[in-house]
Amino acid sequence: MSEDRAFLGREPVGKLLLKLALPTVTAQIINMLYNIVDRIYIGHIPDVGALALTGVGVCLPLIMIVSAFAALVSNGGAPRASIFMGQQDADSAEKTLGNCLCLQIIVSLALTAILLLFNRQLLLAFGASENTIEYGVRYMNIYAAGTLFVQLTLGMNAFITAQGFARTGMLSVLIGAAANIVLDPIFIFALHMGVQGAALATVLSQMLSCIWVLSFLLGKRSFLKIRSRNLRLKPKIILPCLALGLSGFIMQSSESIISVCFNSNLLRYGGDLAVGAMTILTSVMQFAMLPLQGLGQGAQPIISYNYGARNADRVRAAFRLLVKVSLCYSLLLWACVMLFPQIFVSLFTNDATLAAFARRALRVYIAAAGIFGFQIACQMTFLALGNAKASISVAVMRKFILLLPLIYILPALLPSDPAMAVYLAEPIADFISVCFTAVLFFFQFRKSMARISAPLPSAGE
C-alpha cells in the first residue's frame, strides 16, 4: 500500500488537487442533478403532480437525516484512514474501515425500523398536510427499505476517495444517478406506480451503487480492504471517528431544523410568496456550494496523508491552494449572482411576481457568499487534520449560535421589512462565522504544523 499511495506525498500539489478534485466536484454536481431530475419527474405525474411533489418534498428533511448519519461515520472515518495511511499504518487504516462499515450497518437497521414505524408522525411534524401526507407515506415506506444501501453507498464511498481513487468515487455516484434517471420514467409513467415508482427507482439505483462500492473495497485494486476480522466494534477505533464526524452530522441534520425555522418565520411575515422565494434561494446556494465541497473532498486525502507523514510543507501548500481556488470560485459566483440575479431566478420560476421578489431577496441572502470559500476550505482542512473539536466548533457557531437566533431577532429589529430581515440572517451569520473560523484556524493550524514539525522522540526517550 505504501508505495502505491506514495504519490500523495510526492506529486506536485497543484497536479494532485486537479486530479482528485475534478472527480469529486463532478460527483457533487451529478448528485445534485440526480435529485433535481427526480423531482421533475414526480412533478409531471398526470393530475396529481403538484400534490405528489409537495408530499415527497416533505420527505426531504428525513432523507437529509439519513445522509447525516452516513456523514457521521464516513466524515470521521475516512480522514483518519488517510492519516494512518500517511503514517504507513495499514492495519489501523483497515480497522477503521471495518469498524465504520459495521457501525453503518447497525445504524441503517435502526433507521429503517424508525422510518417504517413512525414515518407518518414524522412527516406530519415536518409540515405534511392531509392532502399530501399519503404521497409522503407511500414514498417513505419504500425509501426506508433501502436505507442500508443509501448508508453504505454514501459512507463507504468516502473510503474510496480517501485512498486517492477520486474517479472511482465519482463513478459510484454516476452509476446511481444514471440508473435513477432511466428507471424513474419506467416505474412512474410506464408502470403507473407514481411516487412509489420514484422511491423504488431510487432504492434500486442506490443498491447498484452500493454493490459497486463494496465490490471495489473487497477487490484487488483497493489498498484498504474490508476484512471480517475488523468488523468487531472497538471503542478506541470508532469513538475518535464519531467525534471527528460529528461536525458533518450537525451541519447536515441541522439543515432540516434551519429550513423549518426559515419557512415558519417567512410564512408569518411574507406569506407564500416569501416561502416560495426561499425555495429558489436555497437551491441557488446549495448548487453554488457543491463545487466548494467537492474541492475540499479532493484536497482531504492530500492533507490527511501528508499530515500523517509529518510533511508540514506539503500540508501548508495544499491548504493555501485550496483556499485560493475556493475563494476565486465563491467570489466569481457571488459577482454573477449580484450582477445577474434574474438568470438564476429564471431557472426555477416563470411567475413574474415571485421572480421580482426572489431577485431582490437573492441579493440579500447571498450577500456574504463571496468569502464563504474561505470558510469551507478551513472546515474541510480541520476534518483532514483530524481536529474534531475545531470542526464541531465551527459548525455549531454558524448554525446554532448565530443563524437560528438571528432568524427570530432581526425581524424585530427591522420591522419595516421583516421578511427581508429573515433573509438577512444568512449573510450576517456567514460573515461572523468566517471571522470566527479565521481566528480559530490561525491558532489551530499553527499548533498542528508545530506538532508534525517537531522531531520524533528517540526510542530510548
Foldseek 3Di string as FASTA:
>chain_A
DLVVLCCLVPPDLVVLLVLQLVLLLLLLLLLLVLVVLLLVLQLPQPPCSVLLSVLQVLCVLVVLLLLLVLLLQQLLLLLVLLLCSLLVNLVLSLLSLQQSLLVLQVVLVVQLVCQQVCVLVSSVVSPDDPSRSVSNNLLSNLLSVLSSLVSQLSNLLLNCSLSVNSNLSSVLSVQLSVQLSVQQCCQCPVVVNRSNSSSNSNSVSSNVSNVSSLCVQCDDVDSRHHDPVSNDHDCVNRVLSSLLSVLSSLQRSCVSVLLSLLQVLLCVQPNPLLNVLVVLLVSLVSSLCSSLLSSLSSLLSSLSSCLSNLNLVSNVVSLVVQLVVLLVSQQVSLVCCLVCVLVSLVVPDPDPVSSVVSSVLNCLLCVQSNNCSLVSSLLSSCSSLSPSVLNNVLSCQLRPVQQSVQLVPQCVVVVVRSSSSNSNSNNVSSVVSSVVSVVVSVVVSVVSSVVSNDDDDDPVD
